C-alpha cells in the first residue's frame, strides 16, 4: 500500500482540480443558463421547461446516483476504484453537453422530447463522471490539511470555470452566432466540450488513489446503506448540500432576467461608462478591429456583474484554508455562508437604477461565499472518515453519491423554481417590457426566495458535531489504524 500521508505535489493538486474545471464548464452553464436557454433560445413553453428540469433532475438524483455510487465502490482496476470512471466518461460527457445545447428545427412537441432526452442523458453521464471524481478526493490523501489545500485548488478551478461561463458565455454566444443565440450556443459548447474532455483525461493521468480501508472484508450494500442512515453528520451535510444548491440554481438562473427585465438600461449604460468598461472595450477594438462585443447594456452589465462576484469568490477561497485550519471547517463554513446570505437578501430592496449598489452587494456576497466554497466538499470527505472511524468500513463513493444526489436535487429544485416562478407570474420572452407582477416575481426569486435555503442551511450546522477537535481525533485515530494494518499486511 502506498503512503497515504505523503505530501501531495502541486502537479497532482492542479491535475485533480482540472476535473472540476471541466465539469463546471457544463454545470455552471446548467445553473446559469438552462432556464434562459429553454425559454428564450430553444423556445420551449415555461411550463414544459419546468417539467423537463424537475423530472429529469429527480431521475438523475434518485435513480442514477445510488447505482453509480454502489458500482464505483465495488470497481477494482489497476488504476483504482474512481479514476477509471473519469476516463471512461470523458468523451460521452463532452458529446452530451454539446447535444443538450443544440437546437434542431423541430415543432414544439419535438423540442420538448429532444430537450428531455438530452438533458436526462447529460445528467446520467454527469453522475457517472462527477460522483467518482468527488469520491476521489477522499482517497487521494488521508491528511486533513492536504484535503483543505486540495479543495482550495479545486475551487479556484471551479471559480475560473464559473467566470468563463457566467461572465463570458453570453457575449461569446452572441459573437459566435453573429447575434443568433441558438447558433452561438452550438459553436461555443463545441469548444467547451473539447476542452472539458482533455481536462478529464489529464485528471486521470495525474492523480493516484492512496487511502485504502483498514478492513479487507468487503462491505455489503445493506451495510453501506445502514452506515449512511445512522450517520448523523452525513444526514446534516446532505440537507445542507440540497439547500445550498437550491440557492445557487435559483439566484444564478434568475440574474439574467433581473438585468434584462428589471435593472434600468440607461443607468447600466452610465455605470459602464463611469467605471471605464465602455472605454476598455473601445480600446480593445482599436487594437483588434475584428473584436466584437455586444451592444446590449444588459448583457454587458450581467457579464461584468457575474465576473466581479467570481473574482471576489476566488479571493475568498484563498482565506478558506487558513481559517479552516485555525477554527475548523464547520464554524468557518457556517459563518461565511450566513454573512453571504445577507447580501443576497438585499437585492429585493435595491431600486432599479442602483446599479453600483447591486455590484457592491455582489462583490461582498462573492467574497464571503468564496470562503465557504471549498469547505463543503472537504466536510463531506470528513464525513466519509467519520463513517470509517465509527464502523471500520469505508464506503467513500456511496457517501459522495448521496451528496451528488443532494446537489442534483438542489439544482433541480432551484432551476425548476426559476421557470416555475416565471410561469406563475406570466413571463413572456417576446415582451420588451414585462408586467409589474412579472418583475416583482423576478426580484423575489433572486433575493428573498434565494436567501431562505442558505439561512436554513446555516441553522442545520448547529447539529453538525465534527468540529476542529473531532477532526484532529478522527485523523490521528485513522492514521494509527492504517499504520497498524500496513504493518500486519507486511508481516
Foldseek 3Di string as FASTA:
>chain_A
DDDQADFDDPLLLLLLLLLLLLLLLLVLCLLFPQQVCCCPALNAALVLSLVLLQVLLLCLLPPQLLVLLVQLLVDDDPQHRQLVLLLVLLQVLLVLSLQLLAHDPDPNVVSSVSNNVSSNSNSNSSSSNVLSSLLQLLFQHLDLLSSLVSLLSNVLSSLVSNLCCQQPQVQQLCLCVVNRNSNSSNVVSNVSSVSSSVSSVSSSVSTGGHDDFLDPDDDDPVVVVVLQVVQVLLVLLLLLLLLLLLLSSLQSHLLLVCLQAFADQVLLVVVCVVVCVVVVVVVVCVVVVSDDGDPRSSSNLRSVLSNLLSVLLSVLSVVQSVCCLVWNLLVLLLVLLLQLLVLQQCLLVDHNSPSVSNSVSSNSSSNSNSSNNSSSSSVLSVSQLVSCLVPSDGSSSSSSSSSVSSSSSNNSNNNSVNSVLQVVQVPDSVDSHDDPSNNSSSSCSRHVVSSVSSVVSSVSSVPNPCTSVNSVVSSVVSVVSVVVSVVVVVD
